[in-house]
């Protein structure tokens, strides 16, 4: 079984990542947290005072004014280590999702993830785009166009395999600055890592570095905008917005931390358009030119193509771009918007030779059932591949819904490899 071997470093820099893509098969496993006597430390949160920094391999403690890097396990320095990162797209909460999750005492979103929980846990870390706010009772619950979800949404993500959330998107300011800050509070309360929105200037200036079994991955997140509602002038630190100079500078500062990989997660593009537009291509180039190699996107609400970008005179390293991961959990039901994907990246490092590479990547299509049938009024995320496995299809999914699932499966397979056979589909053993 894979052990959840994660640590978080927040340093006074910001970063982007080096990637590669390829897909193969593996069996489902579940993340476990190892005990304190095996090197597990508490997941840190942003702090406003000097903190201890833990070396990812030997746990030596060094006094520093940065938020701590916490190693969950220490690999042998002379070994080749491989880690896996799951990436999913938009995590939304339209009102029908909230209504269908209502209980006698509150809300319960856990059943929505029951069919994909094992897949989300089948990696060292799982990351998604939190496209909502949790502003609490001061603001009525609401869906589109200004999302305020029940607090119970966040612990359901944690309980079902998520470890880290990117929070900068066009709905970050749906409930104002107070809602943005309370959302971060709820994320931290549930021991989830985050980046993209921030509680202070120091929090903003601190890059997140995930130390996963000794492999260090820096993560940055930016949005094209927030539907016109921005933090006030003296609170600009609260939100990362796409800007060429900012991205170039922050990627370079992140690189100065010497992570093994830098990942940039963008919120950009045109809604419902899978094909990237010029502004997306420019944003990817700004990050890549500064040294990023892992370039991930969201916002269009549909899955987009993936592509390897080979080295050239300007770019010494191979990069991987996933233009849009689409919706993972939402109430949208038109073709393409009800489809999602779990992209799994495999990263390797040889600690003896100090070399690293993207070993492979995989994709796994998903589909959302929206509680259409009286037998089950829940919104539920399904592995789209089960459309062909009659023994796995619940009775409440009639032939028309199974056909939608099949369509989502086939659409995702075709779109992911639109630019060529860059990826192979991930398969799980029953």
Protein backbone atom coordinates (compact mmCIF):
# COMPACT_ATOMS: atom_id res chain seq x y z
CA UNK A 1 0.00 0.00 0.00
CA UNK A 2 1.14 3.52 -0.67
CA UNK A 3 1.91 5.60 2.37
CA UNK A 4 0.93 9.25 2.42
CA UNK A 5 4.40 10.76 2.51
CA UNK A 6 3.86 14.49 2.25
CA UNK A 7 5.38 17.57 3.72
CA UNK A 8 4.74 21.23 3.12
CA UNK A 9 7.26 24.04 2.97
CA UNK A 10 6.15 27.64 2.66
CA UNK A 11 9.12 29.85 1.85
CA UNK A 12 9.46 33.43 0.77
CA UNK A 13 9.37 32.50 -2.90
CA UNK A 14 6.89 31.23 -5.49
CA UNK A 15 7.27 28.49 -8.14
CA UNK A 16 6.37 26.40 -11.18
CA UNK A 17 7.09 22.80 -12.12
CA UNK A 18 8.85 20.39 -14.46
CA UNK A 19 6.70 17.63 -15.98
CA UNK A 20 6.26 14.69 -18.33
CA UNK A 21 3.32 12.46 -19.24
CA UNK A 22 2.65 8.75 -19.94
CA UNK A 23 -0.04 6.33 -18.75
CA UNK A 24 -0.01 2.74 -17.48
CA UNK A 25 -1.87 0.38 -15.21
CA UNK A 26 -1.76 -0.15 -11.47
CA UNK A 27 -3.98 -1.46 -8.71
CA UNK A 28 -5.91 0.68 -6.27
CA UNK A 29 -4.26 1.30 -2.95
CA UNK A 30 -5.08 3.54 -0.03
CA UNK A 31 -3.03 6.30 1.52
CA UNK A 32 -2.08 5.75 5.14
CA UNK A 33 -0.51 8.10 7.60
CA UNK A 34 2.56 6.59 9.22
CA UNK A 35 3.04 6.99 12.94
CA UNK A 36 5.14 9.64 14.69
CA UNK A 37 7.95 7.19 15.41
CA UNK A 38 8.39 6.64 11.67
CA UNK A 39 9.00 10.29 10.91
CA UNK A 40 5.50 11.67 10.46
CA UNK A 41 5.08 15.24 11.60
CA UNK A 42 1.95 17.34 11.71
CA UNK A 43 1.00 19.10 8.50
CA UNK A 44 1.96 22.76 8.98
CA UNK A 45 -0.15 25.84 8.46
CA UNK A 46 0.98 29.34 7.63
CA UNK A 47 2.53 31.02 10.65
CA UNK A 48 3.35 34.62 11.47
CA UNK A 49 6.46 33.89 13.54
CA UNK A 50 9.82 32.17 12.98
CA UNK A 51 9.37 28.43 12.57
CA UNK A 52 11.47 25.31 12.38
CA UNK A 53 12.37 23.94 8.97
CA UNK A 54 12.81 20.20 8.68
CA UNK A 55 15.25 18.80 6.16
CA UNK A 56 13.42 16.40 3.88
CA UNK A 57 15.94 13.59 4.26
CA UNK A 58 17.51 13.80 7.69
CA UNK A 59 15.03 15.90 9.66
CA UNK A 60 17.77 18.19 10.96
CA UNK A 61 16.15 21.25 12.48
CA UNK A 62 17.26 24.68 11.34
CA UNK A 63 15.98 27.97 12.73
CA UNK A 64 14.40 30.02 9.98
CA UNK A 65 11.68 32.63 9.50
CA UNK A 66 9.84 30.41 7.03
CA UNK A 67 6.84 28.23 7.64
CA UNK A 68 8.07 24.68 8.30
CA UNK A 69 8.68 21.96 5.79
CA UNK A 70 7.45 18.74 7.31
CA UNK A 71 8.66 15.36 6.09
CA UNK A 72 6.29 12.45 6.47
CA UNK A 73 8.90 9.84 5.69
CA UNK A 74 12.63 9.84 5.02
CA UNK A 75 13.87 7.86 1.99
CA UNK A 76 17.31 6.30 1.64
CA UNK A 77 19.57 8.92 0.07
CA UNK A 78 21.11 6.39 -2.30
CA UNK A 79 17.82 5.12 -3.68
CA UNK A 80 15.68 5.82 -6.72
CA UNK A 81 12.35 7.09 -5.42
CA UNK A 82 9.09 7.42 -7.36
CA UNK A 83 6.09 9.44 -6.24
CA UNK A 84 2.61 9.91 -7.68
CA UNK A 85 0.43 13.02 -7.76
CA UNK A 86 -3.29 12.90 -8.60
CA UNK A 87 -4.70 16.05 -10.19
CA UNK A 88 -8.39 16.81 -10.69
CA UNK A 89 -10.30 19.84 -11.93
CA UNK A 90 -13.12 21.97 -10.60
CA UNK A 91 -14.67 21.10 -7.24
CA UNK A 92 -17.95 23.03 -7.24
CA UNK A 93 -21.14 23.14 -5.19
CA UNK A 94 -24.22 24.22 -7.10
CA UNK A 95 -27.38 24.38 -4.99
CA UNK A 96 -28.74 21.03 -6.24
CA UNK A 97 -25.55 19.39 -4.91
CA UNK A 98 -26.08 20.97 -1.50
CA UNK A 99 -29.79 20.13 -1.48
CA UNK A 100 -29.09 16.51 -2.35
CA UNK A 101 -26.51 16.30 0.46
CA UNK A 102 -28.83 17.64 3.18
CA UNK A 103 -29.29 15.49 6.28
CA UNK A 104 -31.35 15.86 9.44
CA UNK A 105 -28.41 17.51 11.19
CA UNK A 106 -26.48 19.25 8.41
CA UNK A 107 -24.86 18.12 5.17
CA UNK A 108 -22.98 14.99 4.16
CA UNK A 109 -21.03 14.99 0.90
CA UNK A 110 -19.15 11.75 1.54
CA UNK A 111 -21.54 9.51 -0.45
CA UNK A 112 -20.79 11.62 -3.55
CA UNK A 113 -17.22 10.28 -3.55
CA UNK A 114 -17.82 6.64 -2.59
CA UNK A 115 -17.15 5.26 -6.09
CA UNK A 116 -13.92 7.26 -6.63
CA UNK A 117 -12.50 7.35 -3.11
CA UNK A 118 -10.08 4.50 -3.76
CA UNK A 119 -8.83 6.16 -6.95
CA UNK A 120 -8.28 9.49 -5.19
CA UNK A 121 -6.32 7.65 -2.52
CA UNK A 122 -4.24 5.78 -5.09
CA UNK A 123 -1.42 8.34 -5.08
CA UNK A 124 0.97 9.92 -2.63
CA UNK A 125 -0.90 13.22 -2.86
CA UNK A 126 -4.17 14.32 -4.46
CA UNK A 127 -4.81 17.91 -5.52
CA UNK A 128 -7.88 19.73 -6.89
CA UNK A 129 -9.29 23.19 -7.64
CA UNK A 130 -11.65 24.40 -4.90
CA UNK A 131 -14.05 26.58 -6.88
CA UNK A 132 -16.32 27.84 -4.12
CA UNK A 133 -16.26 29.64 -0.79
CA UNK A 134 -17.38 28.56 2.67
CA UNK A 135 -18.36 31.89 4.21
CA UNK A 136 -20.49 30.41 6.98
CA UNK A 137 -23.92 31.41 8.21
CA UNK A 138 -23.38 35.17 7.78
CA UNK A 139 -24.10 34.59 4.07
CA UNK A 140 -26.95 32.38 2.80
CA UNK A 141 -25.95 29.17 1.08
CA UNK A 142 -25.82 29.72 -2.66
CA UNK A 143 -24.66 28.21 -5.91
CA UNK A 144 -24.02 29.96 -9.20
CA UNK A 145 -23.20 32.81 -9.67
CA UNK A 146 -21.83 33.42 -6.14
CA UNK A 147 -20.90 30.15 -4.45
CA UNK A 148 -21.22 29.73 -0.67
CA UNK A 149 -21.10 26.04 0.18
CA UNK A 150 -21.81 24.25 3.47
CA UNK A 151 -18.78 23.83 5.72
CA UNK A 152 -19.19 20.05 5.48
CA UNK A 153 -17.94 20.15 1.88
CA UNK A 154 -14.30 20.64 2.95
CA UNK A 155 -13.98 17.70 5.40
CA UNK A 156 -15.58 15.45 2.78
CA UNK A 157 -12.68 16.28 0.45
CA UNK A 158 -10.19 15.40 3.16
CA UNK A 159 -12.01 12.21 4.12
CA UNK A 160 -12.06 10.99 0.52
CA UNK A 161 -8.42 11.41 -0.40
CA UNK A 162 -7.63 15.07 -1.07
CA UNK A 163 -4.46 16.51 0.43
CA UNK A 164 -3.97 19.89 -1.24
CA UNK A 165 -6.27 22.50 -2.83
CA UNK A 166 -5.60 25.34 -5.24
CA UNK A 167 -7.94 28.18 -4.33
CA UNK A 168 -7.33 31.02 -6.80
CA UNK A 169 -10.15 31.09 -9.36
CA UNK A 170 -12.92 33.34 -10.60
CA UNK A 171 -15.14 32.42 -7.62
CA UNK A 172 -12.56 33.09 -4.87
CA UNK A 173 -14.20 36.44 -4.05
CA UNK A 174 -17.83 35.34 -4.36
CA UNK A 175 -18.45 36.17 -0.69
CA UNK A 176 -15.93 38.98 -0.40
CA UNK A 177 -12.67 39.16 1.52
CA UNK A 178 -14.26 37.76 4.66
CA UNK A 179 -15.52 34.73 2.74
CA UNK A 180 -12.12 34.21 1.13
CA UNK A 181 -10.41 34.25 4.53
CA UNK A 182 -12.98 31.96 6.15
CA UNK A 183 -12.60 29.47 3.30
CA UNK A 184 -8.86 29.28 4.00
CA UNK A 185 -9.69 28.84 7.69
CA UNK A 186 -11.89 25.84 6.87
CA UNK A 187 -9.23 24.36 4.58
CA UNK A 188 -6.58 24.67 7.31
CA UNK A 189 -8.96 23.36 9.96
CA UNK A 190 -9.25 20.14 7.94
CA UNK A 191 -5.46 19.75 7.54
CA UNK A 192 -5.42 20.41 3.82
CA UNK A 193 -2.63 22.29 2.10
CA UNK A 194 -3.52 25.27 -0.09
CA UNK A 195 -2.16 28.00 -2.33
CA UNK A 196 -3.58 30.72 -4.57
CA UNK A 197 -5.39 32.71 -1.87
CA UNK A 198 -3.74 33.88 1.34
CA UNK A 199 -4.35 35.27 4.81
CA UNK A 200 -1.45 37.75 4.92
CA UNK A 201 1.43 39.20 2.92
CA UNK A 202 3.80 36.71 4.53
CA UNK A 203 1.48 33.84 3.65
CA UNK A 204 1.33 35.13 0.06
CA UNK A 205 5.10 35.43 -0.20
CA UNK A 206 5.64 31.89 1.06
CA UNK A 207 5.91 29.30 -1.66
CA UNK A 208 4.43 25.89 -1.00
CA UNK A 209 6.89 23.05 -1.40
CA UNK A 210 5.54 19.54 -0.97
CA UNK A 211 8.15 17.11 0.28
CA UNK A 212 6.90 13.71 -0.82
CA UNK A 213 9.26 10.88 0.15
CA UNK A 214 12.16 13.29 -0.27
CA UNK A 215 11.09 14.59 -3.69
CA UNK A 216 10.28 18.31 -3.41
CA UNK A 217 7.54 19.79 -5.60
CA UNK A 218 6.83 23.53 -5.57
CA UNK A 219 3.24 24.54 -6.33
CA UNK A 220 1.90 27.89 -7.63
CA UNK A 221 -1.66 28.88 -8.55
CA UNK A 222 -3.08 31.86 -10.47
CA UNK A 223 -6.44 32.96 -11.87
CA UNK A 224 -7.31 35.16 -14.84
CA UNK A 225 -9.70 37.13 -12.62
CA UNK A 226 -12.54 37.01 -10.10
CA UNK A 227 -15.61 38.21 -11.98
CA UNK A 228 -14.74 41.82 -11.19
CA UNK A 229 -14.64 41.45 -7.39
CA UNK A 230 -11.04 41.89 -6.23
CA UNK A 231 -9.53 42.42 -2.78
CA UNK A 232 -9.08 46.06 -1.83
CA UNK A 233 -5.82 47.76 -2.81
CA UNK A 234 -4.01 47.12 0.48
CA UNK A 235 -5.09 43.46 0.45
CA UNK A 236 -3.85 42.45 -2.98
CA UNK A 237 -1.79 39.72 -1.30
CA UNK A 238 -5.04 37.75 -0.75
CA UNK A 239 -5.27 36.57 -4.37
CA UNK A 240 -2.84 35.43 -7.08
CA UNK A 241 -3.76 36.84 -10.50
CA UNK A 242 -2.14 35.95 -13.83
CA UNK A 243 0.44 38.56 -14.82
CA UNK A 244 3.52 37.97 -16.95
CA UNK A 245 5.98 39.84 -14.73
CA UNK A 246 4.62 38.32 -11.53
CA UNK A 247 4.70 34.78 -12.89
CA UNK A 248 8.20 35.15 -14.31
CA UNK A 249 9.49 36.55 -11.04
CA UNK A 250 7.76 34.06 -8.80
CA UNK A 251 8.74 31.03 -10.83
CA UNK A 252 12.35 32.14 -10.72
CA UNK A 253 12.17 32.72 -6.98
CA UNK A 254 10.63 29.30 -6.54
CA UNK A 255 13.42 27.75 -8.60
CA UNK A 256 15.89 29.37 -6.23
CA UNK A 257 14.55 27.06 -3.51
CA UNK A 258 15.91 24.11 -5.53
CA UNK A 259 12.77 22.01 -5.70
CA UNK A 260 12.97 18.92 -7.85
CA UNK A 261 9.84 19.95 -9.79
CA UNK A 262 7.69 23.08 -10.01
CA UNK A 263 3.97 22.88 -10.74
CA UNK A 264 1.87 25.83 -11.91
CA UNK A 265 -1.90 25.41 -11.74
CA UNK A 266 -3.70 28.04 -13.82
CA UNK A 267 -7.36 29.06 -13.84
CA UNK A 268 -7.80 30.43 -17.34
CA UNK A 269 -9.31 29.96 -20.79
CA UNK A 270 -12.82 30.11 -22.22
CA UNK A 271 -15.66 28.29 -20.53
CA UNK A 272 -16.83 25.18 -22.41
CA UNK A 273 -13.95 25.41 -24.90
CA UNK A 274 -11.51 22.48 -24.74
CA UNK A 275 -9.04 24.00 -27.20
CA UNK A 276 -6.58 26.46 -25.59
CA UNK A 277 -6.66 30.09 -26.69
CA UNK A 278 -3.76 32.52 -27.09
CA UNK A 279 -3.90 33.85 -23.53
CA UNK A 280 -3.53 30.32 -22.18
CA UNK A 281 -0.60 29.63 -24.47
CA UNK A 282 1.09 32.87 -23.35
CA UNK A 283 0.61 32.06 -19.67
CA UNK A 284 2.12 28.61 -20.17
CA UNK A 285 5.08 30.13 -22.02
CA UNK A 286 5.73 32.72 -19.29
CA UNK A 287 5.92 29.99 -16.69
CA UNK A 288 7.92 27.60 -18.83
CA UNK A 289 10.43 30.24 -19.89
CA UNK A 290 11.06 30.99 -16.22
CA UNK A 291 11.70 27.31 -15.51
CA UNK A 292 8.38 25.61 -14.93
CA UNK A 293 7.79 22.21 -16.50
CA UNK A 294 4.49 21.08 -14.97
CA UNK A 295 1.65 23.23 -16.34
CA UNK A 296 -1.90 22.40 -15.34
CA UNK A 297 -5.14 24.22 -16.18
CA UNK A 298 -8.75 24.59 -15.15
CA UNK A 299 -11.80 26.86 -15.65
CA UNK A 300 -13.31 25.80 -19.03
CA UNK A 301 -15.46 23.14 -17.22
CA UNK A 302 -14.56 20.64 -19.94
CA UNK A 303 -11.55 18.36 -20.28
CA UNK A 304 -8.86 19.66 -22.64
CA UNK A 305 -5.92 18.06 -24.46
CA UNK A 306 -2.60 17.11 -22.88
CA UNK A 307 0.75 17.47 -24.53
CA UNK A 308 4.48 17.01 -23.97
CA UNK A 309 6.57 20.04 -24.83
CA UNK A 310 10.05 18.84 -25.84
CA UNK A 311 13.24 20.70 -24.96
CA UNK A 312 14.50 23.35 -27.35
CA UNK A 313 16.94 26.26 -27.45
CA UNK A 314 14.79 28.28 -25.03
CA UNK A 315 13.65 25.47 -22.78
CA UNK A 316 16.24 22.95 -21.52
CA UNK A 317 13.70 20.55 -20.00
CA UNK A 318 10.71 18.62 -21.25
CA UNK A 319 7.46 20.07 -19.96
CA UNK A 320 3.98 18.68 -19.76
CA UNK A 321 0.80 20.70 -20.17
CA UNK A 322 -2.77 19.68 -19.35
CA UNK A 323 -4.81 22.53 -20.75
CA UNK A 324 -7.95 21.84 -18.73
CA UNK A 325 -8.89 19.15 -16.22
CA UNK A 326 -12.60 19.97 -16.59
CA UNK A 327 -15.23 19.53 -13.87
CA UNK A 328 -14.66 16.90 -11.23
CA UNK A 329 -17.75 17.54 -9.07
CA UNK A 330 -20.50 19.88 -10.22
CA UNK A 331 -24.15 20.04 -11.28
CA UNK A 332 -23.42 20.87 -14.91
CA UNK A 333 -25.00 18.29 -17.17
CA UNK A 334 -24.43 19.14 -20.81
CA UNK A 335 -22.15 16.96 -22.86
CA UNK A 336 -18.49 17.41 -21.88
CA UNK A 337 -19.35 19.31 -18.65
CA UNK A 338 -20.49 16.13 -16.87
CA UNK A 339 -17.15 14.47 -17.68
CA UNK A 340 -14.00 14.76 -15.62
CA UNK A 341 -10.62 13.14 -15.26
CA UNK A 342 -8.04 12.10 -12.69
CA UNK A 343 -4.57 12.72 -14.07
CA UNK A 344 -1.79 10.88 -12.25
CA UNK A 345 1.80 12.04 -12.61
CA UNK A 346 4.73 9.76 -11.74
CA UNK A 347 7.92 11.57 -10.76
CA UNK A 348 11.27 9.91 -10.11
CA UNK A 349 14.48 11.04 -8.46
CA UNK A 350 17.83 9.26 -8.25
CA UNK A 351 19.30 10.52 -4.98
CA UNK A 352 22.77 9.18 -5.77
CA UNK A 353 23.08 10.89 -9.14
CA UNK A 354 20.79 13.81 -8.23
CA UNK A 355 18.76 13.35 -11.40
CA UNK A 356 15.01 13.54 -11.77
CA UNK A 357 12.46 12.82 -14.44
CA UNK A 358 8.79 12.51 -15.13
CA UNK A 359 8.55 8.77 -15.40
CA UNK A 360 4.99 8.58 -16.72
CA UNK A 361 1.49 9.91 -16.30
CA UNK A 362 -1.97 8.42 -16.52
CA UNK A 363 -5.55 9.54 -16.99
CA UNK A 364 -8.75 8.09 -15.61
CA UNK A 365 -12.13 9.35 -16.95
CA UNK A 366 -14.96 10.17 -14.54
CA UNK A 367 -18.64 11.12 -14.86
CA UNK A 368 -21.13 12.79 -12.52
CA UNK A 369 -24.61 11.42 -11.85
CA UNK A 370 -26.84 14.30 -10.73
CA UNK A 371 -29.44 12.53 -8.61
CA UNK A 372 -32.02 12.36 -11.39
CA UNK A 373 -33.70 9.19 -10.09
CA UNK A 374 -35.93 8.94 -7.02
CA UNK A 375 -34.03 5.80 -5.97
CA UNK A 376 -30.95 7.91 -5.36
CA UNK A 377 -31.11 11.70 -5.19
CA UNK A 378 -27.40 12.14 -4.52
CA UNK A 379 -24.84 13.67 -6.86
CA UNK A 380 -22.26 10.90 -7.33
CA UNK A 381 -18.94 10.79 -9.16
CA UNK A 382 -18.43 7.52 -11.06
CA UNK A 383 -15.44 5.95 -12.77
CA UNK A 384 -16.69 6.33 -16.34
CA UNK A 385 -15.23 2.98 -17.34
CA UNK A 386 -17.94 1.07 -15.49
CA UNK A 387 -20.42 1.80 -18.28
CA UNK A 388 -19.19 -1.47 -19.83
CA UNK A 389 -19.26 -3.47 -16.57
CA UNK A 390 -22.87 -4.36 -15.93
CA UNK A 391 -22.13 -5.96 -12.59
CA UNK A 392 -20.78 -2.62 -11.28
CA UNK A 393 -23.62 -0.38 -12.52
CA UNK A 394 -26.12 0.55 -9.76
CA UNK A 395 -29.74 -0.28 -10.50
CA UNK A 396 -30.80 3.38 -10.47
CA UNK A 397 -28.65 4.13 -13.51
CA UNK A 398 -30.96 3.43 -16.42
CA UNK A 399 -29.83 2.90 -20.00
CA UNK A 400 -29.97 6.62 -20.88
CA UNK A 401 -27.68 7.51 -17.97
CA UNK A 402 -25.30 4.68 -18.79
CA UNK A 403 -25.16 6.04 -22.33
CA UNK A 404 -24.18 9.46 -20.96
CA UNK A 405 -21.46 7.82 -18.92
CA UNK A 406 -20.20 6.02 -22.01
CA UNK A 407 -20.23 9.27 -23.98
CA UNK A 408 -18.18 10.98 -21.26
CA UNK A 409 -15.70 8.11 -21.24
CA UNK A 410 -15.23 8.18 -25.01
CA UNK A 411 -15.07 11.99 -25.18
CA UNK A 412 -12.38 12.19 -22.51
CA UNK A 413 -10.24 9.52 -24.17
CA UNK A 414 -10.42 11.33 -27.51
CA UNK A 415 -9.78 14.84 -26.15
CA UNK A 416 -6.88 13.96 -23.87
CA UNK A 417 -4.86 12.65 -26.82
CA UNK A 418 -6.09 15.13 -29.40
CA UNK A 419 -2.52 16.29 -30.10
CA UNK A 420 -1.21 12.74 -30.42
CA UNK A 421 -0.75 9.64 -28.26
CA UNK A 422 0.81 11.49 -25.31
CA UNK A 423 -1.02 9.50 -22.68
CA UNK A 424 -2.30 6.04 -22.00
CA UNK A 425 -5.43 5.29 -20.06
CA UNK A 426 -5.08 4.23 -16.46
CA UNK A 427 -6.63 0.91 -15.57
CA UNK A 428 -7.43 -0.37 -12.09
CA UNK A 429 -7.77 -3.97 -11.08
CA UNK A 430 -11.24 -4.91 -9.79
